[in-house]
Amino acid sequence: MYDAIIVGSGPAAVSAALTLKLHEKSFCIFGSRAMSRKVESSEKIA
């Protein structure tokens, strides 16, 4: 049994995954390895 499952691979999912990893929790993240399409298509981020 996993401690957590994360559904998605965008910024929110990445942020949560990093925190869970630092606290040595077992988890699985389901999403696209291409990460967030919305972020990818952003022309400029300021």
All heavy atoms as atom14 arrays in JSON, in Angstrom:
{
  "sequence": "MYDAIIVGSGPAAVSAALTLKLHEKSFCIFGSRAMSRKVESSEKIA",
  "atom14_mask": [
    [1, 1, 1, 1, 1, 1, 1, 1, 0, 0, 0, 0, 0, 0],
    [1, 1, 1, 1, 1, 1, 1, 1, 1, 1, 1, 1, 0, 0],
    [1, 1, 1, 1, 1, 1, 1, 1, 0, 0, 0, 0, 0, 0],
    [1, 1, 1, 1, 1, 0, 0, 0, 0, 0, 0, 0, 0, 0],
    [1, 1, 1, 1, 1, 1, 1, 1, 0, 0, 0, 0, 0, 0],
    [1, 1, 1, 1, 1, 1, 1, 1, 0, 0, 0, 0, 0, 0],
    [1, 1, 1, 1, 1, 1, 1, 0, 0, 0, 0, 0, 0, 0],
    [1, 1, 1, 1, 0, 0, 0, 0, 0, 0, 0, 0, 0, 0],
    [1, 1, 1, 1, 1, 1, 0, 0, 0, 0, 0, 0, 0, 0],
    [1, 1, 1, 1, 0, 0, 0, 0, 0, 0, 0, 0, 0, 0],
    [1, 1, 1, 1, 1, 1, 1, 0, 0, 0, 0, 0, 0, 0],
    [1, 1, 1, 1, 1, 0, 0, 0, 0, 0, 0, 0, 0, 0],
    [1, 1, 1, 1, 1, 0, 0, 0, 0, 0, 0, 0, 0, 0],
    [1, 1, 1, 1, 1, 1, 1, 0, 0, 0, 0, 0, 0, 0],
    [1, 1, 1, 1, 1, 1, 0, 0, 0, 0, 0, 0, 0, 0],
    [1, 1, 1, 1, 1, 0, 0, 0, 0, 0, 0, 0, 0, 0],
    [1, 1, 1, 1, 1, 0, 0, 0, 0, 0, 0, 0, 0, 0],
    [1, 1, 1, 1, 1, 1, 1, 1, 0, 0, 0, 0, 0, 0],
    [1, 1, 1, 1, 1, 1, 1, 0, 0, 0, 0, 0, 0, 0],
    [1, 1, 1, 1, 1, 1, 1, 1, 0, 0, 0, 0, 0, 0],
    [1, 1, 1, 1, 1, 1, 1, 1, 1, 0, 0, 0, 0, 0],
    [1, 1, 1, 1, 1, 1, 1, 1, 0, 0, 0, 0, 0, 0],
    [1, 1, 1, 1, 1, 1, 1, 1, 1, 1, 0, 0, 0, 0],
    [1, 1, 1, 1, 1, 1, 1, 1, 1, 0, 0, 0, 0, 0],
    [1, 1, 1, 1, 1, 1, 1, 1, 1, 0, 0, 0, 0, 0],
    [1, 1, 1, 1, 1, 1, 0, 0, 0, 0, 0, 0, 0, 0],
    [1, 1, 1, 1, 1, 1, 1, 1, 1, 1, 1, 0, 0, 0],
    [1, 1, 1, 1, 1, 1, 0, 0, 0, 0, 0, 0, 0, 0],
    [1, 1, 1, 1, 1, 1, 1, 1, 0, 0, 0, 0, 0, 0],
    [1, 1, 1, 1, 1, 1, 1, 1, 1, 1, 1, 0, 0, 0],
    [1, 1, 1, 1, 0, 0, 0, 0, 0, 0, 0, 0, 0, 0],
    [1, 1, 1, 1, 1, 1, 0, 0, 0, 0, 0, 0, 0, 0],
    [1, 1, 1, 1, 1, 1, 1, 1, 1, 1, 1, 0, 0, 0],
    [1, 1, 1, 1, 1, 0, 0, 0, 0, 0, 0, 0, 0, 0],
    [1, 1, 1, 1, 1, 1, 1, 1, 0, 0, 0, 0, 0, 0],
    [1, 1, 1, 1, 1, 1, 0, 0, 0, 0, 0, 0, 0, 0],
    [1, 1, 1, 1, 1, 1, 1, 1, 1, 1, 1, 0, 0, 0],
    [1, 1, 1, 1, 1, 1, 1, 1, 1, 0, 0, 0, 0, 0],
    [1, 1, 1, 1, 1, 1, 1, 0, 0, 0, 0, 0, 0, 0],
    [1, 1, 1, 1, 1, 1, 1, 1, 1, 0, 0, 0, 0, 0],
    [1, 1, 1, 1, 1, 1, 0, 0, 0, 0, 0, 0, 0, 0],
    [1, 1, 1, 1, 1, 1, 0, 0, 0, 0, 0, 0, 0, 0],
    [1, 1, 1, 1, 1, 1, 1, 1, 1, 0, 0, 0, 0, 0],
    [1, 1, 1, 1, 1, 1, 1, 1, 1, 0, 0, 0, 0, 0],
    [1, 1, 1, 1, 1, 1, 1, 1, 0, 0, 0, 0, 0, 0],
    [1, 1, 1, 1, 1, 0, 0, 0, 0, 0, 0, 0, 0, 0]
  ],
  "atom14_positions": [
    [[0.84, -1.2, 0.0], [0.0, 0.0, 0.0], [0.88, 1.25, 0.0], [1.78, 1.38, 0.83], [-0.92, 0.0, 1.22], [-1.71, 1.29, 1.38], [-2.75, 1.35, 2.86], [-4.26, 0.68, 2.2], [0.0, 0.0, 0.0], [0.0, 0.0, 0.0], [0.0, 0.0, 0.0], [0.0, 0.0, 0.0], [0.0, 0.0, 0.0], [0.0, 0.0, 0.0]],
    [[0.61, 2.16, -0.93], [1.34, 3.42, -0.99], [0.86, 4.37, 0.1], [-0.32, 4.34, 0.49], [1.13, 4.1, -2.34], [1.81, 3.4, -3.51], [1.08, 2.65, -4.41], [3.18, 3.54, -3.72], [1.69, 2.02, -5.49], [3.8, 2.94, -4.8], [3.05, 2.17, -5.67], [3.65, 1.56, -6.74], [0.0, 0.0, 0.0], [0.0, 0.0, 0.0]],
    [[1.75, 5.23, 0.55], [1.32, 6.31, 1.44], [0.42, 7.29, 0.68], [-0.54, 7.82, 1.24], [2.53, 7.07, 2.0], [3.31, 6.26, 3.03], [2.67, 5.55, 3.82], [4.55, 6.34, 3.02], [0.0, 0.0, 0.0], [0.0, 0.0, 0.0], [0.0, 0.0, 0.0], [0.0, 0.0, 0.0], [0.0, 0.0, 0.0], [0.0, 0.0, 0.0]],
    [[0.75, 7.52, -0.58], [0.0, 8.49, -1.37], [0.05, 8.15, -2.84], [1.0, 7.54, -3.33], [0.55, 9.9, -1.14], [0.0, 0.0, 0.0], [0.0, 0.0, 0.0], [0.0, 0.0, 0.0], [0.0, 0.0, 0.0], [0.0, 0.0, 0.0], [0.0, 0.0, 0.0], [0.0, 0.0, 0.0], [0.0, 0.0, 0.0], [0.0, 0.0, 0.0]],
    [[-0.99, 8.58, -3.55], [-1.01, 8.56, -5.01], [-1.36, 9.96, -5.48], [-2.29, 10.58, -4.97], [-2.01, 7.52, -5.57], [-1.41, 6.11, -5.45], [-2.36, 7.82, -7.03], [-2.3, 5.0, -5.95], [0.0, 0.0, 0.0], [0.0, 0.0, 0.0], [0.0, 0.0, 0.0], [0.0, 0.0, 0.0], [0.0, 0.0, 0.0], [0.0, 0.0, 0.0]],
    [[-0.58, 10.44, -6.43], [-0.81, 11.77, -7.01], [-1.33, 11.59, -8.42], [-0.73, 10.88, -9.22], [0.5, 12.59, -7.02], [1.04, 12.78, -5.6], [0.27, 13.95, -7.7], [2.42, 13.41, -5.55], [0.0, 0.0, 0.0], [0.0, 0.0, 0.0], [0.0, 0.0, 0.0], [0.0, 0.0, 0.0], [0.0, 0.0, 0.0], [0.0, 0.0, 0.0]],
    [[-2.43, 12.24, -8.72], [-3.03, 12.16, -10.05], [-2.75, 13.47, -10.78], [-3.3, 14.51, -10.43], [-4.54, 11.89, -9.98], [-5.11, 11.7, -11.38], [-4.82, 10.66, -9.12], [0.0, 0.0, 0.0], [0.0, 0.0, 0.0], [0.0, 0.0, 0.0], [0.0, 0.0, 0.0], [0.0, 0.0, 0.0], [0.0, 0.0, 0.0], [0.0, 0.0, 0.0]],
    [[-1.88, 13.42, -11.77], [-1.47, 14.61, -12.5], [0.03, 14.77, -12.45], [0.71, 14.17, -11.61], [0.0, 0.0, 0.0], [0.0, 0.0, 0.0], [0.0, 0.0, 0.0], [0.0, 0.0, 0.0], [0.0, 0.0, 0.0], [0.0, 0.0, 0.0], [0.0, 0.0, 0.0], [0.0, 0.0, 0.0], [0.0, 0.0, 0.0], [0.0, 0.0, 0.0]],
    [[0.57, 15.58, -13.38], [2.02, 15.79, -13.39], [2.38, 17.24, -13.71], [3.44, 17.52, -14.25], [2.7, 14.84, -14.4], [2.15, 14.99, -15.69], [0.0, 0.0, 0.0], [0.0, 0.0, 0.0], [0.0, 0.0, 0.0], [0.0, 0.0, 0.0], [0.0, 0.0, 0.0], [0.0, 0.0, 0.0], [0.0, 0.0, 0.0], [0.0, 0.0, 0.0]],
    [[1.48, 18.14, -13.36], [1.75, 19.56, -13.53], [2.44, 20.15, -12.32], [2.93, 19.42, -11.44], [0.0, 0.0, 0.0], [0.0, 0.0, 0.0], [0.0, 0.0, 0.0], [0.0, 0.0, 0.0], [0.0, 0.0, 0.0], [0.0, 0.0, 0.0], [0.0, 0.0, 0.0], [0.0, 0.0, 0.0], [0.0, 0.0, 0.0], [0.0, 0.0, 0.0]],
    [[2.51, 21.48, -12.22], [3.24, 22.14, -11.12], [2.79, 21.74, -9.72], [3.62, 21.54, -8.83], [2.98, 23.63, -11.38], [2.75, 23.71, -12.85], [2.02, 22.46, -13.21], [0.0, 0.0, 0.0], [0.0, 0.0, 0.0], [0.0, 0.0, 0.0], [0.0, 0.0, 0.0], [0.0, 0.0, 0.0], [0.0, 0.0, 0.0], [0.0, 0.0, 0.0]],
    [[1.49, 21.6, -9.49], [0.99, 21.2, -8.17], [1.45, 19.8, -7.82], [1.87, 19.53, -6.69], [-0.53, 21.29, -8.12], [0.0, 0.0, 0.0], [0.0, 0.0, 0.0], [0.0, 0.0, 0.0], [0.0, 0.0, 0.0], [0.0, 0.0, 0.0], [0.0, 0.0, 0.0], [0.0, 0.0, 0.0], [0.0, 0.0, 0.0], [0.0, 0.0, 0.0]],
    [[1.38, 18.9, -8.79], [1.8, 17.52, -8.57], [3.29, 17.44, -8.3], [3.74, 16.71, -7.4], [1.43, 16.66, -9.79], [0.0, 0.0, 0.0], [0.0, 0.0, 0.0], [0.0, 0.0, 0.0], [0.0, 0.0, 0.0], [0.0, 0.0, 0.0], [0.0, 0.0, 0.0], [0.0, 0.0, 0.0], [0.0, 0.0, 0.0], [0.0, 0.0, 0.0]],
    [[4.08, 18.17, -9.07], [5.54, 18.18, -8.89], [5.9, 18.7, -7.5], [6.72, 18.11, -6.79], [6.21, 19.05, -9.97], [7.69, 19.25, -9.65], [6.06, 18.39, -11.35], [0.0, 0.0, 0.0], [0.0, 0.0, 0.0], [0.0, 0.0, 0.0], [0.0, 0.0, 0.0], [0.0, 0.0, 0.0], [0.0, 0.0, 0.0], [0.0, 0.0, 0.0]],
    [[5.27, 19.79, -7.09], [5.54, 20.37, -5.77], [5.24, 19.38, -4.66], [6.04, 19.19, -3.73], [4.7, 21.64, -5.6], [4.88, 22.21, -4.32], [0.0, 0.0, 0.0], [0.0, 0.0, 0.0], [0.0, 0.0, 0.0], [0.0, 0.0, 0.0], [0.0, 0.0, 0.0], [0.0, 0.0, 0.0], [0.0, 0.0, 0.0], [0.0, 0.0, 0.0]],
    [[4.1, 18.72, -4.74], [3.72, 17.75, -3.71], [4.66, 16.55, -3.72], [5.07, 16.06, -2.67], [2.28, 17.29, -3.94], [0.0, 0.0, 0.0], [0.0, 0.0, 0.0], [0.0, 0.0, 0.0], [0.0, 0.0, 0.0], [0.0, 0.0, 0.0], [0.0, 0.0, 0.0], [0.0, 0.0, 0.0], [0.0, 0.0, 0.0], [0.0, 0.0, 0.0]],
    [[5.02, 16.09, -4.92], [5.9, 14.92, -5.03], [7.26, 15.18, -4.41], [7.82, 14.33, -3.71], [6.05, 14.52, -6.5], [0.0, 0.0, 0.0], [0.0, 0.0, 0.0], [0.0, 0.0, 0.0], [0.0, 0.0, 0.0], [0.0, 0.0, 0.0], [0.0, 0.0, 0.0], [0.0, 0.0, 0.0], [0.0, 0.0, 0.0], [0.0, 0.0, 0.0]],
    [[7.82, 16.36, -4.64], [9.12, 16.7, -4.09], [9.08, 16.69, -2.56], [10.0, 16.2, -1.89], [9.58, 18.06, -4.6], [9.88, 18.16, -6.1], [10.14, 19.61, -6.5], [11.06, 17.28, -6.48], [0.0, 0.0, 0.0], [0.0, 0.0, 0.0], [0.0, 0.0, 0.0], [0.0, 0.0, 0.0], [0.0, 0.0, 0.0], [0.0, 0.0, 0.0]],
    [[8.0, 17.25, -1.99], [7.86, 17.29, -0.54], [7.71, 15.89, 0.05], [8.34, 15.55, 1.06], [6.66, 18.17, -0.14], [6.9, 19.51, -0.59], [6.47, 18.19, 1.38], [0.0, 0.0, 0.0], [0.0, 0.0, 0.0], [0.0, 0.0, 0.0], [0.0, 0.0, 0.0], [0.0, 0.0, 0.0], [0.0, 0.0, 0.0], [0.0, 0.0, 0.0]],
    [[6.88, 15.07, -0.58], [6.69, 13.7, -0.09], [7.99, 12.9, -0.2], [8.31, 12.09, 0.69], [5.59, 13.01, -0.88], [4.17, 13.53, -0.67], [3.19, 12.85, -1.63], [3.71, 13.33, 0.78], [0.0, 0.0, 0.0], [0.0, 0.0, 0.0], [0.0, 0.0, 0.0], [0.0, 0.0, 0.0], [0.0, 0.0, 0.0], [0.0, 0.0, 0.0]],
    [[8.74, 13.14, -1.26], [10.02, 12.44, -1.44], [11.0, 12.83, -0.35], [11.7, 11.97, 0.22], [10.6, 12.78, -2.81], [11.92, 12.07, -3.14], [11.73, 10.59, -3.36], [13.01, 9.94, -3.83], [12.83, 8.49, -4.11], [0.0, 0.0, 0.0], [0.0, 0.0, 0.0], [0.0, 0.0, 0.0], [0.0, 0.0, 0.0], [0.0, 0.0, 0.0]],
    [[11.08, 14.11, -0.02], [12.0, 14.58, 1.01], [11.65, 13.98, 2.39], [12.53, 13.83, 3.23], [11.98, 16.11, 1.08], [12.64, 16.84, -0.1], [12.33, 18.32, -0.05], [14.15, 16.59, -0.08], [0.0, 0.0, 0.0], [0.0, 0.0, 0.0], [0.0, 0.0, 0.0], [0.0, 0.0, 0.0], [0.0, 0.0, 0.0], [0.0, 0.0, 0.0]],
    [[10.38, 13.64, 2.56], [9.95, 13.05, 3.83], [9.89, 11.52, 3.75], [9.34, 10.87, 4.64], [8.59, 13.61, 4.25], [8.66, 15.01, 4.77], [8.75, 16.12, 3.95], [8.69, 15.5, 6.05], [8.8, 17.22, 4.69], [8.78, 16.86, 5.96], [0.0, 0.0, 0.0], [0.0, 0.0, 0.0], [0.0, 0.0, 0.0], [0.0, 0.0, 0.0]],
    [[10.47, 10.98, 2.68], [10.65, 9.54, 2.51], [9.33, 8.76, 2.57], [9.25, 7.67, 3.14], [11.64, 9.0, 3.56], [13.02, 9.64, 3.45], [14.0, 9.08, 4.46], [13.56, 8.5, 5.47], [15.22, 9.21, 4.23], [0.0, 0.0, 0.0], [0.0, 0.0, 0.0], [0.0, 0.0, 0.0], [0.0, 0.0, 0.0], [0.0, 0.0, 0.0]],
    [[8.3, 9.32, 1.95], [7.03, 8.61, 1.87], [6.96, 7.82, 0.56], [7.56, 8.2, -0.44], [5.86, 9.6, 1.94], [5.78, 10.36, 3.26], [5.64, 9.4, 4.44], [5.59, 10.14, 5.77], [5.51, 9.19, 6.93], [0.0, 0.0, 0.0], [0.0, 0.0, 0.0], [0.0, 0.0, 0.0], [0.0, 0.0, 0.0], [0.0, 0.0, 0.0]],
    [[6.23, 6.72, 0.6], [6.05, 5.93, -0.61], [4.85, 6.48, -1.39], [3.78, 6.7, -0.82], [5.8, 4.47, -0.25], [4.6, 4.32, 0.48], [0.0, 0.0, 0.0], [0.0, 0.0, 0.0], [0.0, 0.0, 0.0], [0.0, 0.0, 0.0], [0.0, 0.0, 0.0], [0.0, 0.0, 0.0], [0.0, 0.0, 0.0], [0.0, 0.0, 0.0]],
    [[5.06, 6.73, -2.66], [3.96, 7.28, -3.45], [4.17, 6.94, -4.92], [5.26, 6.57, -5.36], [3.84, 8.8, -3.27], [5.03, 9.59, -3.78], [5.05, 10.1, -5.06], [6.11, 9.82, -2.94], [6.14, 10.83, -5.51], [7.21, 10.54, -3.38], [7.22, 11.06, -4.68], [0.0, 0.0, 0.0], [0.0, 0.0, 0.0], [0.0, 0.0, 0.0]],
    [[3.08, 7.08, -5.67], [3.11, 6.89, -7.11], [2.44, 8.09, -7.74], [1.44, 8.6, -7.22], [2.38, 5.6, -7.49], [2.53, 5.14, -9.22], [0.0, 0.0, 0.0], [0.0, 0.0, 0.0], [0.0, 0.0, 0.0], [0.0, 0.0, 0.0], [0.0, 0.0, 0.0], [0.0, 0.0, 0.0], [0.0, 0.0, 0.0], [0.0, 0.0, 0.0]],
    [[3.0, 8.58, -8.83], [2.44, 9.73, -9.51], [2.04, 9.32, -10.92], [2.85, 8.83, -11.7], [3.42, 10.92, -9.51], [2.88, 12.1, -10.32], [4.8, 10.53, -9.96], [3.68, 13.37, -10.14], [0.0, 0.0, 0.0], [0.0, 0.0, 0.0], [0.0, 0.0, 0.0], [0.0, 0.0, 0.0], [0.0, 0.0, 0.0], [0.0, 0.0, 0.0]],
    [[0.75, 9.47, -11.23], [0.22, 9.12, -12.54], [0.01, 10.38, -13.37], [-0.67, 11.32, -12.94], [-1.12, 8.39, -12.4], [-1.01, 7.05, -11.74], [-1.65, 6.8, -10.53], [-0.29, 6.03, -12.33], [-1.56, 5.56, -9.92], [-0.19, 4.78, -11.72], [-0.83, 4.55, -10.52], [0.0, 0.0, 0.0], [0.0, 0.0, 0.0], [0.0, 0.0, 0.0]],
    [[0.61, 10.41, -14.54], [0.46, 11.57, -15.41], [1.31, 11.42, -16.66], [1.77, 10.31, -16.98], [0.0, 0.0, 0.0], [0.0, 0.0, 0.0], [0.0, 0.0, 0.0], [0.0, 0.0, 0.0], [0.0, 0.0, 0.0], [0.0, 0.0, 0.0], [0.0, 0.0, 0.0], [0.0, 0.0, 0.0], [0.0, 0.0, 0.0], [0.0, 0.0, 0.0]],
    [[1.55, 12.52, -17.33], [2.35, 12.5, -18.55], [3.8, 12.85, -18.23], [4.07, 13.8, -17.49], [1.79, 13.52, -19.56], [2.68, 13.7, -20.64], [0.0, 0.0, 0.0], [0.0, 0.0, 0.0], [0.0, 0.0, 0.0], [0.0, 0.0, 0.0], [0.0, 0.0, 0.0], [0.0, 0.0, 0.0], [0.0, 0.0, 0.0], [0.0, 0.0, 0.0]],
    [[4.73, 12.09, -18.81], [6.15, 12.4, -18.62], [6.53, 13.69, -19.32], [7.59, 14.25, -19.06], [7.01, 11.23, -19.12], [6.84, 9.96, -18.3], [7.9, 8.93, -18.61], [7.66, 7.69, -17.88], [7.12, 6.61, -18.4], [6.77, 6.6, -19.68], [6.93, 5.53, -17.68], [0.0, 0.0, 0.0], [0.0, 0.0, 0.0], [0.0, 0.0, 0.0]],
    [[5.67, 14.17, -20.2], [5.88, 15.47, -20.85], [5.49, 16.61, -19.93], [5.59, 17.78, -20.3], [5.09, 15.55, -22.15], [0.0, 0.0, 0.0], [0.0, 0.0, 0.0], [0.0, 0.0, 0.0], [0.0, 0.0, 0.0], [0.0, 0.0, 0.0], [0.0, 0.0, 0.0], [0.0, 0.0, 0.0], [0.0, 0.0, 0.0], [0.0, 0.0, 0.0]],
    [[5.07, 16.27, -18.72], [4.66, 17.24, -17.7], [3.41, 18.0, -18.13], [2.54, 17.42, -18.77], [5.82, 18.2, -17.37], [7.17, 17.52, -17.16], [7.21, 16.34, -15.8], [7.23, 17.44, -14.4], [0.0, 0.0, 0.0], [0.0, 0.0, 0.0], [0.0, 0.0, 0.0], [0.0, 0.0, 0.0], [0.0, 0.0, 0.0], [0.0, 0.0, 0.0]],
    [[3.35, 19.29, -17.84], [2.15, 20.07, -18.1], [2.14, 20.68, -19.51], [3.04, 21.43, -19.88], [2.03, 21.2, -17.07], [1.05, 22.14, -17.46], [0.0, 0.0, 0.0], [0.0, 0.0, 0.0], [0.0, 0.0, 0.0], [0.0, 0.0, 0.0], [0.0, 0.0, 0.0], [0.0, 0.0, 0.0], [0.0, 0.0, 0.0], [0.0, 0.0, 0.0]],
    [[1.11, 20.36, -20.28], [0.99, 20.96, -21.61], [0.73, 22.46, -21.51], [1.18, 23.23, -22.35], [-0.16, 20.29, -22.38], [0.11, 18.85, -22.78], [-0.98, 18.32, -23.67], [-0.72, 16.96, -24.09], [-1.48, 16.31, -24.96], [-2.55, 16.9, -25.45], [-1.18, 15.07, -25.31], [0.0, 0.0, 0.0], [0.0, 0.0, 0.0], [0.0, 0.0, 0.0]],
    [[-0.02, 22.84, -20.48], [-0.32, 24.26, -20.3], [0.95, 25.05, -20.03], [1.16, 26.12, -20.61], [-1.31, 24.43, -19.14], [-1.62, 25.89, -18.83], [-2.5, 26.0, -17.6], [-2.67, 27.45, -17.19], [-3.45, 27.6, -15.95], [0.0, 0.0, 0.0], [0.0, 0.0, 0.0], [0.0, 0.0, 0.0], [0.0, 0.0, 0.0], [0.0, 0.0, 0.0]],
    [[1.81, 24.54, -19.15], [3.08, 25.22, -18.87], [3.94, 25.23, -20.13], [4.52, 26.25, -20.49], [3.82, 24.53, -17.72], [5.21, 25.14, -17.54], [3.03, 24.64, -16.42], [0.0, 0.0, 0.0], [0.0, 0.0, 0.0], [0.0, 0.0, 0.0], [0.0, 0.0, 0.0], [0.0, 0.0, 0.0], [0.0, 0.0, 0.0], [0.0, 0.0, 0.0]],
    [[4.02, 24.1, -20.8], [4.86, 23.97, -22.01], [4.49, 25.01, -23.07], [5.35, 25.53, -23.77], [4.71, 22.56, -22.58], [5.62, 22.26, -23.76], [7.08, 22.07, -23.38], [7.36, 21.78, -22.2], [7.93, 22.22, -24.27], [0.0, 0.0, 0.0], [0.0, 0.0, 0.0], [0.0, 0.0, 0.0], [0.0, 0.0, 0.0], [0.0, 0.0, 0.0]],
    [[3.2, 25.3, -23.19], [2.74, 26.21, -24.24], [2.79, 27.69, -23.84], [2.46, 28.55, -24.65], [1.32, 25.84, -24.66], [0.42, 25.97, -23.56], [0.0, 0.0, 0.0], [0.0, 0.0, 0.0], [0.0, 0.0, 0.0], [0.0, 0.0, 0.0], [0.0, 0.0, 0.0], [0.0, 0.0, 0.0], [0.0, 0.0, 0.0], [0.0, 0.0, 0.0]],
    [[3.19, 27.97, -22.59], [3.26, 29.37, -22.15], [4.45, 30.07, -22.82], [5.59, 29.62, -22.69], [3.42, 29.44, -20.62], [2.3, 28.88, -19.99], [0.0, 0.0, 0.0], [0.0, 0.0, 0.0], [0.0, 0.0, 0.0], [0.0, 0.0, 0.0], [0.0, 0.0, 0.0], [0.0, 0.0, 0.0], [0.0, 0.0, 0.0], [0.0, 0.0, 0.0]],
    [[4.18, 31.15, -23.51], [5.24, 31.84, -24.26], [6.23, 32.53, -23.32], [7.44, 32.42, -23.5], [4.63, 32.88, -25.2], [5.63, 33.57, -26.09], [4.99, 34.53, -27.06], [3.76, 34.65, -27.05], [5.73, 35.19, -27.82], [0.0, 0.0, 0.0], [0.0, 0.0, 0.0], [0.0, 0.0, 0.0], [0.0, 0.0, 0.0], [0.0, 0.0, 0.0]],
    [[5.69, 33.24, -22.31], [6.56, 33.94, -21.37], [5.98, 33.8, -19.96], [4.78, 33.9, -19.75], [6.69, 35.42, -21.73], [7.44, 35.68, -23.03], [7.53, 37.17, -23.3], [8.28, 37.45, -24.6], [8.38, 38.9, -24.89], [0.0, 0.0, 0.0], [0.0, 0.0, 0.0], [0.0, 0.0, 0.0], [0.0, 0.0, 0.0], [0.0, 0.0, 0.0]],
    [[6.87, 33.59, -18.99], [6.48, 33.53, -17.58], [7.34, 34.52, -16.82], [8.57, 34.4, -16.79], [6.68, 32.11, -17.02], [5.78, 31.11, -17.77], [6.36, 32.07, -15.52], [6.05, 29.68, -17.44], [0.0, 0.0, 0.0], [0.0, 0.0, 0.0], [0.0, 0.0, 0.0], [0.0, 0.0, 0.0], [0.0, 0.0, 0.0], [0.0, 0.0, 0.0]],
    [[6.68, 35.51, -16.21], [7.43, 36.59, -15.57], [7.2, 36.69, -14.07], [7.85, 37.49, -13.4], [7.06, 37.92, -16.22], [0.0, 0.0, 0.0], [0.0, 0.0, 0.0], [0.0, 0.0, 0.0], [0.0, 0.0, 0.0], [0.0, 0.0, 0.0], [0.0, 0.0, 0.0], [0.0, 0.0, 0.0], [0.0, 0.0, 0.0], [0.0, 0.0, 0.0]]
  ]
}
